[in-house]
Amino acid sequence: MKMKKLFAVMSLAVLLTACGGGDKAASAPADSDVIKIGGIVPKTGAAAVYGNTTDNGIKLAVEEINANGGINGKQVEYVSEDDKGDPTEAVTIYNKLVEGGNNVIIGAITSKPSLAVADNSAADGIPIITPTGTSAAITEGKANVFRTCFTDPLQGKILANFAADNLSAKTAAVLRNTSNDYSNGVADEFINQAKTKGIEVVADEGYGDSDVDFKVQLTNIKNQNPDVILVPEYYEKDVSIIKQARELGIESKIIGPDGWDGVLSVIDQGSVSLLDGVYFTNHYSLQDENEKVQNFVNAYKEKYNEDPSAFSALGYDTVYIYKTAIENAKSMEFTDIVDAVKAVEISGVTGDLKFGENNNPIKSATIIEIKDGAYQFNSLVSAE
């Protein structure tokens, strides 16, 4: 998430590879008494809310697995480093993790660093799973790179289906960050699917990554009086946008992708009520009564004294994907683990998962409604 232009990121990855990332041997580390998982997560910076909660979910899974005998009788060693949400930092950490003999990698967390790492990994072939990087380009054409979350375009399609089928929307507007691949990926597919579902898109307004005033765009949208407004953005800007929209008297329902997850943790208490009626796609719900979900939620709360976010659940499931794959792999060679990951089918906290085209998971999405200062389960929506 939070991306520059794709071309710029790819150019950066190529440059970094030329500076030393491409000289590493594309082979697995020597056999050892532990299974080493390396993590690339933003622990500081604007994406730290995402990174730290994902890291907590990963660590919880590792502790559980080790307490139950490890993987193939070996304990799991997990070490993560802070990429600050920056692609250059992420690639530096990636090189360090490969050189340090890690068997597999989890990360990065946001899409821009994930894409840089994925591009840089082609010569190495080490298995990489981003739990939460949603940009479609991350896994495209990369046999060794997977994701646990759904993609940006899939979220856009699901949100259009939700707007039409669940909210009975006939008109929609889009307010997007035109310099952000995440935002554009969701918005473009939403518009395509909205037309298929008979929704008229009456406005498609854009702003830049550094913008903080959205009143001109929101005024243009208000004049069209749409039933729903798609805001594909991250929680920090979401707060500014919702405040300015309500100040202008906009009453349209607001929908968005998983970047809205975490918004309640950063909005001031006096403004929480402004979020009532916001709907966003997510990967699971705390209110899901499934035993696996509740066991995870209770264990996480006991360890960290807070509710696990969707990012926590995705990090947790990612470890279990690797556990299943390594248990079924012919060997610890990178290629054998990659083949085993492709064949994984698990029932995780974030739902039943198997991998399809471009190593993207096949799964539905949970729609979360913000109501009375809390995230509440609304429905499950398919992309079909």
Foldseek 3Di string as FASTA:
>chain_A
DFAFPPVVLLVVLVVVLVVPLQPDAQKAFDDDQAAEEEEEEACDAPCNVLRVLLVLLLVLLLVVQVVVQHFPNGRYDYDYDHQNPDLVSLCVVLSVCVVVRHLAYEDDAEASNLQSNQSSCQNRLRAYEYLHHADPNSLPPRLRYAYNDHHLLLQLLQVLCCCCPVVVWQEEEEEFAPRGRSRVNSVVNNVVNNVVSNHHYPYYHYDHPPDLDCLVVLVVVVVVLGQEYEYADALVSVLSVLVSNVVVVRDHQYEYEPNNFCNLVPHDPVCLQSQARYKYWAQADCPDPPPQLVVSQVSSCVVPVDGRTSSSQSSNVVSVLQSQLCNPFPDSISVRSSVSSQQDWDQGNSGTWHADPSNYTQDWIWMWGRRPSDTDTDDTTHSD
